[in-house]
Amino acid sequence: MNKLLLGKKELVMLGVALLVVRTYMPFMKVPVPGIVNAMIWYTILASFGMAIIMSGEYELGHFFAVFVIGVLGISNVVAGNWTVLVAFLLLYASKDISIKEIVGLMFKMSATILIVDTIWYFLNFMVGRVSLTVTREIGGEIIYRHMFFFSHANVYSYCVLFTAFMFIYLYYETIDKRIMYAILSAIAAFIYVFPNSRTTALVLILFIVFDIKKPIVIQNIIYFICANIYVLCAAFAAIVIVLMALDPSDVFPATVNKILNGRLSMVVAAYLVYGIQPFGSDIIHEQLIIDGIGYLTLYLDNFYGTILIKYGIFSAIIISLCSIRTSWILYKTKHFKELILFSMVFIYGLSEGSALSIVPVFQWLFIRDSLFFDKKNHVYDI
């Protein structure tokens, strides 16, 4: 009689399911009334919040977590985006639940959505109900892309990429590596040909290069690089952005920026307009003309610029410390599969700001056990 209808685990899984739905709705341009959208967000927050309260544990580390949630909450209100706060609430609420269970639910929902969407798109394309979209020009050549009913071809590719990584995480130990590499190569080719997303295709190939069996010395070097990849990528992005801000005509930053399709010039423009604030800024995608950069519609599409300019100094510090600590724990505890998967987020983040969302970027769940790492038993529940 006194048993609750939903226990802690059920509340967390409900929140995760709604978070997947809430993530894909704008991706697929689903028309949802504002009040419905707000109700979904509030239900997600309530589910995770109630799960945290039901844990009934209030040690020093948990009060620190509450402090972090407060800081992230302020930053998210200022930035006009709840991505980071919801992610941290999920980490805190789910600390007694297997990560594989959470990723399993994400994978089933994401894979189902993408498979149905892709089949339906090609059926409509064959009968002429959808057409290709021109989204960019490279060297004067017009590039046509399939958007698959998503808001952008890159958004579709982004979801496919991290759903593929979910598959790897869940079935890595049970699937033949040759079959896995063949599947990833086929997905990379598909992504390159149809939505024409080069970054996504490259990241999939990089995973194969990092993971494939090689001499132990080389493999250890790769693992060490993966353990430090956040610092390396952040430092690289910072150096190029600073050089570009000082002299936009400098050949080196200009070349890197061109390779990344102008992502870094967007960060420079955002910095010039908004600066770096303690709790971030609400980027409104205004149209600008910046000296040395030219005309652009401001849109942050670089992970490192996003966390610093959009979410602010405090959030950037929290995310950076958690990322560095998690990478090292994965390295020290020899969770090399997870380490490589985690490093892919930061490589992808060089040209995509969307790397911050915990759905479909499930790798952020690995941070959970670095925050709540059991030093006595050395348990890393992944």
Foldseek 3Di string as FASTA:
>chain_A
DPDDPAALVRLLLVLLLLLLVLVVCQQLVPDDDPVVSVVSVVSSVVSLVVLLVRVVDDDPLVVVLVVLLVLLVLLCVQQVHCQQSSLSSSLNSCLVPFLLVSLVSLLVVLVVVLVVLVVVQVVCVVVPNDDWDFDDDDPNDTDTADCSSTPALVSSLVSVLLSLLSVCVNCVVPDDVVVNLVVLQVSLVVSCPHRNDNLSSVLSVVLCVLPPDDPPVVNLVSLVCLLCLLVVLLVVLVVLLVVCLVPVVDPVSVVVCVVLVNQSVLLNVLCVVQNAAAQAHHQPQCWDQDVSRGTDRRDHFAQNSCCGHSGHDSSSVVVSVLLSLLSVLCSVVVVSSLSSLSSSLSSSRRNGNVSSGCVVVVSSSSSSCSSVPDPVVRDRRD
